[in-house]
Each structure stands twice: as C-alpha cells, then as structure tokens.
Amino acid sequence: MKNRSRSARPSFINVQPCLMHHCGVSCTRVFLFNISINVAGWRVRGLQLVHVSKSIIFEQLLGGDVNRVQEYIHGRLEEGPLHVTLIDPDRQDPERSALMVREAEKGGTHIILVGGTMGVDHPKLEDTLKAVSVATELPVIIFPASADVISGNADAILYISLMNSRNVNYVIREAARASVRIEELKIEPLSVGYIVVSPGALVGKVGDVDLIPRDDPSIAVEYALAAQMFGMDFVYLEGGSGVDEPIPGDIIQAVRSAVDIPVIVGGGIRTPGSARSTVLHGADMIVTGTLVESNADTTSSLREMIASMEEGWRERKWG
C-alpha cells in the first residue's frame, strides 16, 4: 500500500484459528471491534472480502485505532517473542530491499524496521519504504537516524531518545525537531529509550555515547527505569551493528526484571543459540539486520532462529 499515513493506513488485528466450529474448510475467526466473523481463507478489506491463505499473520482493515502498531506488538507478545528485520536502505537498492523483506516474511519475522545509523538520503528512504510496503503486509516502522528521515510511507516510527549520549541533540533535540512533522504526517510514534552497550560500534561513535560497560548491569537498569518513568513505550538495548558478541545476558536480565515495558535487544545476534539466550535472559523483541543481508537462505535461517527464540521464551516463562 502506497499511503500509510494515519488517515488512510490500515490497522492490524490478530487472526486466530477458529476452535469453536467444525468447518469443512480451513476456518479463521477475525475479531473486528466487538464482532466475531468467521471466514474461510478470506480477508476483510474495507467492505470487501479478498481471498488469502490462512497463513496470514494479521488482518488489515481501513481505519482503526491510532495505536494499531503498538497494539499489534502487545498482542503478539502475549503469544511469544517477536523477531524484527532491520533493512538499511544504504546497503542495497529498493528492489533488493523488497526481495529481502519477502524472504524475511516467509521466514516468520514479525516486523520490518527501515533505517540505519548514518543519515540515509531522503529520496532513497522514500523509495525503499514504498518498495517494502508493497512487498509485505507486516508493520513497517522507520528507524530514524535524524529528524530529516521521516516519511508517511510507513506504519509507525521509532521516536527515539538516545539516553546515554553525551550530545543533547541525540537525547532530545532531534526528537523535538521531528515532532511537528510526525504529527503532520499522522505517523504512529513508538517512544523508545535507546541505550547503547559497549562496544557500540558505529552508533556509539556517531551518537557520542557514554557506553554502558558490559560488566555493570546497574547502569543499564538506571537508564531503563528512567525511560519507563518518562513514560516511554519500549526500552531498546543496542550492542552495535556488526559486533561479534550480543549484549551480555546479565544486563538483559537485570533490565527485564526492573521494567514493565517491552525490552528490545539488537546487535551481535547472529545464531539461533544467541537468539535463544537473548530471549531466555529477558528480551521480548530481537532485531537482526546482518542475517538478511549476508545469508543466502534467509527464510530457512530465520525459521531456525525464531524457533530458537520460542524455545528460550518457553523456558523463561515456564522453566
């Protein structure tokens, strides 16, 4: 869909298997407002029924709540951890980005994040967002490097405070500068306390970050609690793009124990084992980018990683 602004962008609702009816064909129960509609391989779009496979992950209907992406996330988190695929528009052309997204969706990813650490030129971001939005029915969220990369061709935007930056621009000024444009475009903002852990890689350098030491969870907890007390929707622990090791489990576990809001973790998560460990220690959402950029069989690799994430989730919840 080409226009994803709030006034015209569809909203998401969860689709659940129908357990109440003995249908002769695959049956799906779609919940819209307070009305339960049973459909067999069909999707409601406005006032039309459009045939789709029963494997769709969520439904799209015109209109709806302005917080539909956040509601989608919280709804999915009741079932298990979420995998987020990061697409950096600077690393490939829009057509290649769209292909990567299709493969990631087949592999079971739940959200598409578009952006990068360095400032992406706006035309390329727009072209990539348009291509990606057409290629997938998953929520498409902008990961902005600055207030200059904002577009209406997305379902939401991470509204970020780089909390442990020494530079006030990254702590609040860029967010303030972006606020009017976000409101004009009616993009759903997802407020994020973004906390960078050593080594931090490029984001640590560009963001002038006072890095969280890998051996001191208490500092990460202080920032995470501050994010929650400021009323932010998510805490995002970032280890840095392309780093060799994920964030230590004791940092993730300490943050998860301290806050009630969802914890996102990214950086250095390359294998099913590291994904499982990251979720086991408390991550609700995992972000990977290198996996889709460098893997010849993205679909199979993602399926394996997400299966491992679900194992970690089950062990964390039920032991």
C-alpha atoms as a PDB file:
ATOM      1  CA  MET A   1       0.000   0.000   0.000  1.00  0.00           C
ATOM      2  CA  LYS A   2       1.440   3.313  -1.038  1.00  0.00           C
ATOM      3  CA  ASN A   3      -0.110   5.630   1.530  1.00  0.00           C
ATOM      4  CA  ARG A   4       0.364   4.518   5.132  1.00  0.00           C
ATOM      5  CA  SER A   5      -0.478   7.810   6.861  1.00  0.00           C
ATOM      6  CA  ARG A   6      -2.830   7.514   9.826  1.00  0.00           C
ATOM      7  CA  SER A   7      -5.859   8.780   7.948  1.00  0.00           C
ATOM      8  CA  ALA A   8      -5.634   6.146   5.204  1.00  0.00           C
ATOM      9  CA  ARG A   9      -3.335   3.478   6.601  1.00  0.00           C
ATOM     10  CA  PRO A  10      -4.930   0.165   7.594  1.00  0.00           C
ATOM     11  CA  SER A  11      -4.988  -1.093  11.144  1.00  0.00           C
ATOM     12  CA  PHE A  12      -3.909  -4.518  12.314  1.00  0.00           C
ATOM     13  CA  ILE A  13      -5.890  -7.067  14.265  1.00  0.00           C
ATOM     14  CA  ASN A  14      -4.849 -10.542  15.264  1.00  0.00           C
ATOM     15  CA  VAL A  15      -6.159 -13.570  13.412  1.00  0.00           C
ATOM     16  CA  GLN A  16      -6.835 -16.708  15.444  1.00  0.00           C
ATOM     17  CA  PRO A  17      -7.742 -20.248  14.326  1.00  0.00           C
ATOM     18  CA  CYS A  18     -11.414 -20.997  14.780  1.00  0.00           C
ATOM     19  CA  LEU A  19     -11.710 -23.552  17.579  1.00  0.00           C
ATOM     20  CA  MET A  20     -15.466 -23.235  18.060  1.00  0.00           C
ATOM     21  CA  HIS A  21     -16.692 -24.565  14.710  1.00  0.00           C
ATOM     22  CA  HIS A  22     -16.220 -27.830  12.860  1.00  0.00           C
ATOM     23  CA  CYS A  23     -15.786 -26.319   9.420  1.00  0.00           C
ATOM     24  CA  GLY A  24     -15.301 -28.390   6.303  1.00  0.00           C
ATOM     25  CA  VAL A  25     -12.598 -25.975   5.200  1.00  0.00           C
ATOM     26  CA  SER A  26      -9.883 -24.038   6.994  1.00  0.00           C
ATOM     27  CA  CYS A  27     -11.671 -21.523   9.159  1.00  0.00           C
ATOM     28  CA  THR A  28     -10.308 -18.339  10.687  1.00  0.00           C
ATOM     29  CA  ARG A  29     -12.031 -16.139  13.240  1.00  0.00           C
ATOM     30  CA  VAL A  30     -11.479 -12.437  12.672  1.00  0.00           C
ATOM     31  CA  PHE A  31     -12.202 -10.089  15.569  1.00  0.00           C
ATOM     32  CA  LEU A  32     -13.279  -6.615  14.498  1.00  0.00           C
ATOM     33  CA  PHE A  33     -14.360  -4.268  17.240  1.00  0.00           C
ATOM     34  CA  ASN A  34     -16.805  -6.473  19.231  1.00  0.00           C
ATOM     35  CA  ILE A  35     -17.979  -8.524  16.268  1.00  0.00           C
ATOM     36  CA  SER A  36     -16.711 -12.047  15.599  1.00  0.00           C
ATOM     37  CA  ILE A  37     -16.691 -13.025  11.929  1.00  0.00           C
ATOM     38  CA  ASN A  38     -15.761 -16.498  10.723  1.00  0.00           C
ATOM     39  CA  VAL A  39     -14.116 -16.609   7.318  1.00  0.00           C
ATOM     40  CA  ALA A  40     -12.589 -19.480   5.411  1.00  0.00           C
ATOM     41  CA  GLY A  41      -9.433 -18.277   3.766  1.00  0.00           C
ATOM     42  CA  TRP A  42     -10.767 -14.767   3.243  1.00  0.00           C
ATOM     43  CA  ARG A  43      -9.670 -11.357   4.409  1.00  0.00           C
ATOM     44  CA  VAL A  44     -11.875  -8.363   5.123  1.00  0.00           C
ATOM     45  CA  ARG A  45     -10.605  -5.171   3.434  1.00  0.00           C
ATOM     46  CA  GLY A  46     -12.987  -2.304   3.996  1.00  0.00           C
ATOM     47  CA  LEU A  47     -16.331  -3.745   2.890  1.00  0.00           C
ATOM     48  CA  GLN A  48     -14.799  -6.352   0.572  1.00  0.00           C
ATOM     49  CA  LEU A  49     -13.751  -9.937   1.169  1.00  0.00           C
ATOM     50  CA  VAL A  50     -10.453 -10.735  -0.511  1.00  0.00           C
ATOM     51  CA  HIS A  51      -9.282 -14.351  -0.681  1.00  0.00           C
ATOM     52  CA  VAL A  52      -5.967 -15.042   1.062  1.00  0.00           C
ATOM     53  CA  SER A  53      -4.189 -18.060   2.525  1.00  0.00           C
ATOM     54  CA  LYS A  54      -4.865 -18.996   6.129  1.00  0.00           C
ATOM     55  CA  SER A  55      -1.172 -18.404   6.938  1.00  0.00           C
ATOM     56  CA  ILE A  56      -1.582 -14.614   7.171  1.00  0.00           C
ATOM     57  CA  ILE A  57      -0.250 -13.242  10.438  1.00  0.00           C
ATOM     58  CA  PHE A  58      -2.557 -10.295  10.999  1.00  0.00           C
ATOM     59  CA  GLU A  59      -5.534  -8.605   9.391  1.00  0.00           C
ATOM     60  CA  GLN A  60      -5.654  -5.186   7.810  1.00  0.00           C
ATOM     61  CA  LEU A  61      -8.812  -3.097   7.830  1.00  0.00           C
ATOM     62  CA  LEU A  62      -9.252   0.512   6.813  1.00  0.00           C
ATOM     63  CA  GLY A  63      -9.442   2.940   9.692  1.00  0.00           C
ATOM     64  CA  GLY A  64      -8.979   1.865  13.283  1.00  0.00           C
ATOM     65  CA  ASP A  65      -7.103   2.912  16.381  1.00  0.00           C
ATOM     66  CA  VAL A  66      -4.190   5.317  16.045  1.00  0.00           C
ATOM     67  CA  ASN A  67      -2.082   2.966  18.211  1.00  0.00           C
ATOM     68  CA  ARG A  68      -2.593  -0.074  15.997  1.00  0.00           C
ATOM     69  CA  VAL A  69       1.097  -0.983  15.632  1.00  0.00           C
ATOM     70  CA  GLN A  70       1.675  -0.855  19.369  1.00  0.00           C
ATOM     71  CA  GLU A  71      -1.465  -2.911  19.908  1.00  0.00           C
ATOM     72  CA  TYR A  72      -0.263  -5.411  17.330  1.00  0.00           C
ATOM     73  CA  ILE A  73       3.069  -5.702  19.163  1.00  0.00           C
ATOM     74  CA  HIS A  74       1.491  -6.153  22.587  1.00  0.00           C
ATOM     75  CA  GLY A  75      -0.989  -8.669  21.191  1.00  0.00           C
ATOM     76  CA  ARG A  76       1.785 -10.742  19.637  1.00  0.00           C
ATOM     77  CA  LEU A  77       3.888 -10.565  22.802  1.00  0.00           C
ATOM     78  CA  GLU A  78       1.137 -12.419  24.630  1.00  0.00           C
ATOM     79  CA  GLU A  79       1.965 -15.388  22.393  1.00  0.00           C
ATOM     80  CA  GLY A  80       5.751 -15.223  22.283  1.00  0.00           C
ATOM     81  CA  PRO A  81       8.829 -13.163  21.356  1.00  0.00           C
ATOM     82  CA  LEU A  82       8.955 -11.001  18.250  1.00  0.00           C
ATOM     83  CA  HIS A  83      11.626 -11.006  15.585  1.00  0.00           C
ATOM     84  CA  VAL A  84      12.330  -7.692  13.845  1.00  0.00           C
ATOM     85  CA  THR A  85      14.131  -7.499  10.494  1.00  0.00           C
ATOM     86  CA  LEU A  86      16.213  -4.351  10.009  1.00  0.00           C
ATOM     87  CA  ILE A  87      16.622  -3.068   6.449  1.00  0.00           C
ATOM     88  CA  ASP A  88      19.303  -0.426   5.847  1.00  0.00           C
ATOM     89  CA  PRO A  89      18.426   1.450   2.620  1.00  0.00           C
ATOM     90  CA  ASP A  90      22.078   2.413   2.131  1.00  0.00           C
ATOM     91  CA  ARG A  91      23.187  -1.197   1.694  1.00  0.00           C
ATOM     92  CA  GLN A  92      21.099  -2.175  -1.325  1.00  0.00           C
ATOM     93  CA  ASP A  93      18.661  -0.750  -3.829  1.00  0.00           C
ATOM     94  CA  PRO A  94      14.902  -0.640  -3.072  1.00  0.00           C
ATOM     95  CA  GLU A  95      14.171  -3.682  -5.245  1.00  0.00           C
ATOM     96  CA  ARG A  96      16.689  -5.776  -3.343  1.00  0.00           C
ATOM     97  CA  SER A  97      15.272  -4.486  -0.045  1.00  0.00           C
ATOM     98  CA  ALA A  98      11.790  -5.604  -1.113  1.00  0.00           C
ATOM     99  CA  LEU A  99      13.117  -9.066  -2.002  1.00  0.00           C
ATOM    100  CA  MET A 100      14.845  -9.349   1.391  1.00  0.00           C
ATOM    101  CA  VAL A 101      11.609  -8.404   3.129  1.00  0.00           C
ATOM    102  CA  ARG A 102       9.618 -11.043   1.233  1.00  0.00           C
ATOM    103  CA  GLU A 103      12.110 -13.707   2.266  1.00  0.00           C
ATOM    104  CA  ALA A 104      12.087 -12.491   5.870  1.00  0.00           C
ATOM    105  CA  GLU A 105       8.281 -12.613   5.976  1.00  0.00           C
ATOM    106  CA  LYS A 106       8.346 -16.192   4.677  1.00  0.00           C
ATOM    107  CA  GLY A 107      10.819 -16.991   7.448  1.00  0.00           C
ATOM    108  CA  GLY A 108       8.397 -15.748  10.105  1.00  0.00           C
ATOM    109  CA  THR A 109       9.681 -12.292  11.022  1.00  0.00           C
ATOM    110  CA  HIS A 110       7.047 -10.114  12.687  1.00  0.00           C
ATOM    111  CA  ILE A 111       8.084  -6.514  11.952  1.00  0.00           C
ATOM    112  CA  ILE A 112      10.115  -4.656   9.320  1.00  0.00           C
ATOM    113  CA  LEU A 113      12.354  -1.840  10.541  1.00  0.00           C
ATOM    114  CA  VAL A 114      13.766   0.510   7.892  1.00  0.00           C
ATOM    115  CA  GLY A 115      16.695   2.841   8.609  1.00  0.00           C
ATOM    116  CA  GLY A 116      20.308   2.955   9.685  1.00  0.00           C
ATOM    117  CA  THR A 117      22.884   4.603  11.906  1.00  0.00           C
ATOM    118  CA  MET A 118      24.135   7.005   9.270  1.00  0.00           C
ATOM    119  CA  GLY A 119      21.786   9.507   7.695  1.00  0.00           C
ATOM    120  CA  VAL A 120      20.039   7.952   4.683  1.00  0.00           C
ATOM    121  CA  ASP A 121      19.239  10.398   1.899  1.00  0.00           C
ATOM    122  CA  HIS A 122      15.513  11.067   1.904  1.00  0.00           C
ATOM    123  CA  PRO A 123      14.715  10.035  -1.705  1.00  0.00           C
ATOM    124  CA  LYS A 124      16.325   6.629  -1.161  1.00  0.00           C
ATOM    125  CA  LEU A 125      14.463   6.159   2.104  1.00  0.00           C
ATOM    126  CA  GLU A 126      11.174   7.036   0.406  1.00  0.00           C
ATOM    127  CA  ASP A 127      11.841   4.656  -2.495  1.00  0.00           C
ATOM    128  CA  THR A 128      12.787   1.862  -0.115  1.00  0.00           C
ATOM    129  CA  LEU A 129       9.742   2.390   2.093  1.00  0.00           C
ATOM    130  CA  LYS A 130       7.450   2.344  -0.938  1.00  0.00           C
ATOM    131  CA  ALA A 131       9.009  -0.857  -2.273  1.00  0.00           C
ATOM    132  CA  VAL A 132       8.948  -2.560   1.125  1.00  0.00           C
ATOM    133  CA  SER A 133       5.359  -1.501   1.864  1.00  0.00           C
ATOM    134  CA  VAL A 134       4.186  -3.088  -1.375  1.00  0.00           C
ATOM    135  CA  ALA A 135       6.206  -6.248  -0.703  1.00  0.00           C
ATOM    136  CA  THR A 136       4.824  -7.040   2.763  1.00  0.00           C
ATOM    137  CA  GLU A 137       1.734  -6.928   4.933  1.00  0.00           C
ATOM    138  CA  LEU A 138       3.817  -6.768   8.107  1.00  0.00           C
ATOM    139  CA  PRO A 139       4.062  -3.493  10.030  1.00  0.00           C
ATOM    140  CA  VAL A 140       6.746  -1.238   8.513  1.00  0.00           C
ATOM    141  CA  ILE A 141       8.480   1.024  11.049  1.00  0.00           C
ATOM    142  CA  ILE A 142      11.039   3.771  10.426  1.00  0.00           C
ATOM    143  CA  PHE A 143      14.287   3.599  12.404  1.00  0.00           C
ATOM    144  CA  PRO A 144      15.395   7.236  12.034  1.00  0.00           C
ATOM    145  CA  ALA A 145      18.988   8.435  12.275  1.00  0.00           C
ATOM    146  CA  SER A 146      17.759  12.030  12.482  1.00  0.00           C
ATOM    147  CA  ALA A 147      14.680  14.220  12.147  1.00  0.00           C
ATOM    148  CA  ASP A 148      15.416  14.558   8.435  1.00  0.00           C
ATOM    149  CA  VAL A 149      14.391  10.989   7.596  1.00  0.00           C
ATOM    150  CA  ILE A 150      10.654  10.965   8.222  1.00  0.00           C
ATOM    151  CA  SER A 151       8.116   9.626   5.763  1.00  0.00           C
ATOM    152  CA  GLY A 152       4.404   8.929   5.591  1.00  0.00           C
ATOM    153  CA  ASN A 153       5.082   5.657   3.761  1.00  0.00           C
ATOM    154  CA  ALA A 154       5.301   3.644   6.978  1.00  0.00           C
ATOM    155  CA  ASP A 155       3.007   2.403   9.701  1.00  0.00           C
ATOM    156  CA  ALA A 156       4.999   3.862  12.576  1.00  0.00           C
ATOM    157  CA  ILE A 157       8.278   5.466  13.576  1.00  0.00           C
ATOM    158  CA  LEU A 158      10.603   4.788  16.492  1.00  0.00           C
ATOM    159  CA  TYR A 159      10.530   8.038  18.466  1.00  0.00           C
ATOM    160  CA  ILE A 160      13.973   7.715  19.987  1.00  0.00           C
ATOM    161  CA  SER A 161      15.866   9.261  22.841  1.00  0.00           C
ATOM    162  CA  LEU A 162      19.492   8.085  22.786  1.00  0.00           C
ATOM    163  CA  MET A 163      19.546   8.157  26.538  1.00  0.00           C
ATOM    164  CA  ASN A 164      23.246   7.662  27.238  1.00  0.00           C
ATOM    165  CA  SER A 165      24.505  10.089  24.617  1.00  0.00           C
ATOM    166  CA  ARG A 166      26.659  12.999  25.744  1.00  0.00           C
ATOM    167  CA  ASN A 167      25.095  15.071  22.974  1.00  0.00           C
ATOM    168  CA  VAL A 168      21.772  16.718  23.843  1.00  0.00           C
ATOM    169  CA  ASN A 169      20.822  16.618  20.159  1.00  0.00           C
ATOM    170  CA  TYR A 170      20.509  12.843  20.310  1.00  0.00           C
ATOM    171  CA  VAL A 171      18.949  12.807  23.751  1.00  0.00           C
ATOM    172  CA  ILE A 172      16.050  15.142  22.896  1.00  0.00           C
ATOM    173  CA  ARG A 173      16.616  17.832  20.247  1.00  0.00           C
ATOM    174  CA  GLU A 174      16.270  15.531  17.219  1.00  0.00           C
ATOM    175  CA  ALA A 175      13.081  14.120  18.702  1.00  0.00           C
ATOM    176  CA  ALA A 176      11.723  17.606  19.308  1.00  0.00           C
ATOM    177  CA  ARG A 177      12.658  18.648  15.793  1.00  0.00           C
ATOM    178  CA  ALA A 178      10.813  15.610  14.390  1.00  0.00           C
ATOM    179  CA  SER A 179       7.651  16.044  16.448  1.00  0.00           C
ATOM    180  CA  VAL A 180       5.760  18.523  14.267  1.00  0.00           C
ATOM    181  CA  ARG A 181       6.464  16.577  11.075  1.00  0.00           C
ATOM    182  CA  ILE A 182       5.364  13.307  12.675  1.00  0.00           C
ATOM    183  CA  GLU A 183       2.116  14.937  13.779  1.00  0.00           C
ATOM    184  CA  GLU A 184       1.542  16.436  10.316  1.00  0.00           C
ATOM    185  CA  LEU A 185       2.040  13.060   8.627  1.00  0.00           C
ATOM    186  CA  LYS A 186      -0.011  11.274  11.294  1.00  0.00           C
ATOM    187  CA  ILE A 187       2.602   8.557  11.752  1.00  0.00           C
ATOM    188  CA  GLU A 188       2.236   6.450  14.861  1.00  0.00           C
ATOM    189  CA  PRO A 189       5.154   7.261  17.203  1.00  0.00           C
ATOM    190  CA  LEU A 190       6.600   4.447  19.301  1.00  0.00           C
ATOM    191  CA  SER A 191       8.597   6.127  22.054  1.00  0.00           C
ATOM    192  CA  VAL A 192      11.875   4.335  22.757  1.00  0.00           C
ATOM    193  CA  GLY A 193      14.544   4.699  25.410  1.00  0.00           C
ATOM    194  CA  TYR A 194      17.574   3.731  23.297  1.00  0.00           C
ATOM    195  CA  ILE A 195      20.517   2.563  25.407  1.00  0.00           C
ATOM    196  CA  VAL A 196      23.846   1.622  23.818  1.00  0.00           C
ATOM    197  CA  VAL A 197      26.033  -1.034  25.422  1.00  0.00           C
ATOM    198  CA  SER A 198      29.763  -1.451  24.768  1.00  0.00           C
ATOM    199  CA  PRO A 199      31.283  -1.846  22.205  1.00  0.00           C
ATOM    200  CA  GLY A 200      28.541   0.182  20.495  1.00  0.00           C
ATOM    201  CA  ALA A 201      30.211   0.129  17.053  1.00  0.00           C
ATOM    202  CA  LEU A 202      29.207   2.951  14.701  1.00  0.00           C
ATOM    203  CA  VAL A 203      26.167   4.116  16.664  1.00  0.00           C
ATOM    204  CA  GLY A 204      28.387   4.613  19.708  1.00  0.00           C
ATOM    205  CA  LYS A 205      30.720   6.883  17.745  1.00  0.00           C
ATOM    206  CA  VAL A 206      28.111   8.786  15.747  1.00  0.00           C
ATOM    207  CA  GLY A 207      25.864   9.227  18.784  1.00  0.00           C
ATOM    208  CA  ASP A 208      28.720  10.367  21.076  1.00  0.00           C
ATOM    209  CA  VAL A 209      27.614   7.704  23.530  1.00  0.00           C
ATOM    210  CA  ASP A 210      28.810   7.152  27.085  1.00  0.00           C
ATOM    211  CA  LEU A 211      28.725   3.377  26.599  1.00  0.00           C
ATOM    212  CA  ILE A 212      27.222   1.040  29.185  1.00  0.00           C
ATOM    213  CA  PRO A 213      30.028  -1.262  30.439  1.00  0.00           C
ATOM    214  CA  ARG A 214      29.390  -4.929  29.672  1.00  0.00           C
ATOM    215  CA  ASP A 215      30.160  -5.872  33.277  1.00  0.00           C
ATOM    216  CA  ASP A 216      27.877  -3.377  35.051  1.00  0.00           C
ATOM    217  CA  PRO A 217      24.151  -4.087  34.645  1.00  0.00           C
ATOM    218  CA  SER A 218      23.240  -1.479  37.256  1.00  0.00           C
ATOM    219  CA  ILE A 219      23.918   1.424  34.882  1.00  0.00           C
ATOM    220  CA  ALA A 220      21.688  -0.090  32.196  1.00  0.00           C
ATOM    221  CA  VAL A 221      18.959  -0.551  34.804  1.00  0.00           C
ATOM    222  CA  GLU A 222      19.171   3.123  35.783  1.00  0.00           C
ATOM    223  CA  TYR A 223      18.642   4.259  32.196  1.00  0.00           C
ATOM    224  CA  ALA A 224      15.899   1.686  31.574  1.00  0.00           C
ATOM    225  CA  LEU A 225      13.965   2.753  34.652  1.00  0.00           C
ATOM    226  CA  ALA A 226      14.365   6.383  33.621  1.00  0.00           C
ATOM    227  CA  ALA A 227      12.858   5.527  30.229  1.00  0.00           C
ATOM    228  CA  GLN A 228       9.899   3.857  31.891  1.00  0.00           C
ATOM    229  CA  MET A 229       9.426   6.747  34.319  1.00  0.00           C
ATOM    230  CA  PHE A 230       9.431   9.171  31.391  1.00  0.00           C
ATOM    231  CA  GLY A 231       6.517   7.162  30.012  1.00  0.00           C
ATOM    232  CA  MET A 232       8.305   5.574  27.072  1.00  0.00           C
ATOM    233  CA  ASP A 233       6.749   2.591  25.328  1.00  0.00           C
ATOM    234  CA  PHE A 234       9.894   0.459  24.923  1.00  0.00           C
ATOM    235  CA  VAL A 235      13.468   0.020  26.117  1.00  0.00           C
ATOM    236  CA  TYR A 236      15.936  -0.781  23.343  1.00  0.00           C
ATOM    237  CA  LEU A 237      19.317  -2.242  24.347  1.00  0.00           C
ATOM    238  CA  GLU A 238      21.741  -1.825  21.433  1.00  0.00           C
ATOM    239  CA  GLY A 239      25.123  -3.528  21.222  1.00  0.00           C
ATOM    240  CA  GLY A 240      26.020  -2.065  17.846  1.00  0.00           C
ATOM    241  CA  SER A 241      25.579  -3.226  14.270  1.00  0.00           C
ATOM    242  CA  GLY A 242      28.027  -5.888  13.158  1.00  0.00           C
ATOM    243  CA  VAL A 243      29.569  -6.526  16.590  1.00  0.00           C
ATOM    244  CA  ASP A 244      30.899 -10.009  17.310  1.00  0.00           C
ATOM    245  CA  GLU A 245      29.024 -10.745  20.542  1.00  0.00           C
ATOM    246  CA  PRO A 246      25.474  -9.986  21.715  1.00  0.00           C
ATOM    247  CA  ILE A 247      24.747  -7.968  24.838  1.00  0.00           C
ATOM    248  CA  PRO A 248      25.593  -9.981  27.996  1.00  0.00           C
ATOM    249  CA  GLY A 249      22.673 -11.915  29.421  1.00  0.00           C
ATOM    250  CA  ASP A 250      23.017 -10.448  32.904  1.00  0.00           C
ATOM    251  CA  ILE A 251      22.434  -6.931  31.540  1.00  0.00           C
ATOM    252  CA  ILE A 252      19.317  -8.056  29.672  1.00  0.00           C
ATOM    253  CA  GLN A 253      18.044  -9.967  32.693  1.00  0.00           C
ATOM    254  CA  ALA A 254      18.602  -7.055  35.060  1.00  0.00           C
ATOM    255  CA  VAL A 255      16.754  -4.640  32.768  1.00  0.00           C
ATOM    256  CA  ARG A 256      13.896  -7.077  32.184  1.00  0.00           C
ATOM    257  CA  SER A 257      13.492  -7.523  35.950  1.00  0.00           C
ATOM    258  CA  ALA A 258      13.475  -3.772  36.546  1.00  0.00           C
ATOM    259  CA  VAL A 259      10.909  -2.565  33.991  1.00  0.00           C
ATOM    260  CA  ASP A 260       7.389  -3.473  32.918  1.00  0.00           C
ATOM    261  CA  ILE A 261       7.627  -2.207  29.337  1.00  0.00           C
ATOM    262  CA  PRO A 262       8.853  -4.451  26.477  1.00  0.00           C
ATOM    263  CA  VAL A 263      12.607  -4.861  26.066  1.00  0.00           C
ATOM    264  CA  ILE A 264      14.085  -4.788  22.558  1.00  0.00           C
ATOM    265  CA  VAL A 265      17.616  -6.105  22.024  1.00  0.00           C
ATOM    266  CA  GLY A 266      19.840  -5.744  18.965  1.00  0.00           C
ATOM    267  CA  GLY A 267      23.464  -6.161  17.962  1.00  0.00           C
ATOM    268  CA  GLY A 268      25.609  -9.283  17.602  1.00  0.00           C
ATOM    269  CA  ILE A 269      22.705 -11.760  17.421  1.00  0.00           C
ATOM    270  CA  ARG A 270      23.799 -13.976  14.533  1.00  0.00           C
ATOM    271  CA  THR A 271      22.969 -17.549  15.532  1.00  0.00           C
ATOM    272  CA  PRO A 272      19.935 -19.464  16.820  1.00  0.00           C
ATOM    273  CA  GLY A 273      21.837 -20.083  20.050  1.00  0.00           C
ATOM    274  CA  SER A 274      22.489 -16.397  20.700  1.00  0.00           C
ATOM    275  CA  ALA A 275      18.869 -15.575  19.867  1.00  0.00           C
ATOM    276  CA  ARG A 276      17.628 -18.229  22.288  1.00  0.00           C
ATOM    277  CA  SER A 277      19.934 -16.970  25.058  1.00  0.00           C
ATOM    278  CA  THR A 278      18.915 -13.345  24.488  1.00  0.00           C
ATOM    279  CA  VAL A 279      15.218 -14.213  24.831  1.00  0.00           C
ATOM    280  CA  LEU A 280      15.861 -16.547  27.769  1.00  0.00           C
ATOM    281  CA  HIS A 281      17.508 -13.672  29.652  1.00  0.00           C
ATOM    282  CA  GLY A 282      14.590 -11.325  29.063  1.00  0.00           C
ATOM    283  CA  ALA A 283      14.396  -9.892  25.539  1.00  0.00           C
ATOM    284  CA  ASP A 284      10.852  -9.529  24.230  1.00  0.00           C
ATOM    285  CA  MET A 285      11.915  -8.439  20.747  1.00  0.00           C
ATOM    286  CA  ILE A 286      15.118  -9.184  18.848  1.00  0.00           C
ATOM    287  CA  VAL A 287      16.413  -7.056  15.976  1.00  0.00           C
ATOM    288  CA  THR A 288      18.688  -8.541  13.311  1.00  0.00           C
ATOM    289  CA  GLY A 289      19.943  -6.987  10.085  1.00  0.00           C
ATOM    290  CA  THR A 290      23.117  -8.802   9.089  1.00  0.00           C
ATOM    291  CA  LEU A 291      21.190 -12.075   8.856  1.00  0.00           C
ATOM    292  CA  VAL A 292      19.110 -10.976   5.872  1.00  0.00           C
ATOM    293  CA  GLU A 293      21.962  -9.059   4.263  1.00  0.00           C
ATOM    294  CA  SER A 294      24.521 -11.846   4.273  1.00  0.00           C
ATOM    295  CA  ASN A 295      22.579 -15.110   4.252  1.00  0.00           C
ATOM    296  CA  ALA A 296      21.829 -16.908   1.002  1.00  0.00           C
ATOM    297  CA  ASP A 297      18.884 -18.771   2.565  1.00  0.00           C
ATOM    298  CA  THR A 298      17.210 -16.102   4.661  1.00  0.00           C
ATOM    299  CA  THR A 299      13.914 -17.959   5.004  1.00  0.00           C
ATOM    300  CA  SER A 300      15.371 -21.151   6.484  1.00  0.00           C
ATOM    301  CA  SER A 301      17.834 -19.256   8.691  1.00  0.00           C
ATOM    302  CA  LEU A 302      15.079 -17.076  10.128  1.00  0.00           C
ATOM    303  CA  ARG A 303      12.801 -20.036  10.765  1.00  0.00           C
ATOM    304  CA  GLU A 304      15.578 -21.703  12.727  1.00  0.00           C
ATOM    305  CA  MET A 305      16.339 -18.516  14.669  1.00  0.00           C
ATOM    306  CA  ILE A 306      12.696 -17.840  15.528  1.00  0.00           C
ATOM    307  CA  ALA A 307      12.197 -21.456  16.638  1.00  0.00           C
ATOM    308  CA  SER A 308      15.155 -20.998  18.996  1.00  0.00           C
ATOM    309  CA  MET A 309      13.699 -17.723  20.261  1.00  0.00           C
ATOM    310  CA  GLU A 310      10.448 -19.522  21.063  1.00  0.00           C
ATOM    311  CA  GLU A 311      12.377 -22.207  22.951  1.00  0.00           C
ATOM    312  CA  GLY A 312      14.026 -19.510  25.046  1.00  0.00           C
ATOM    313  CA  TRP A 313      10.661 -17.873  25.649  1.00  0.00           C
ATOM    314  CA  ARG A 314       9.081 -21.128  26.849  1.00  0.00           C
ATOM    315  CA  GLU A 315      11.973 -21.859  29.167  1.00  0.00           C
ATOM    316  CA  ARG A 316      11.837 -18.309  30.560  1.00  0.00           C
ATOM    317  CA  LYS A 317       8.092 -18.452  31.152  1.00  0.00           C
ATOM    318  CA  TRP A 318       7.666 -21.995  32.368  1.00  0.00           C
ATOM    319  CA  GLY A 319      11.164 -23.255  33.189  1.00  0.00           C
END
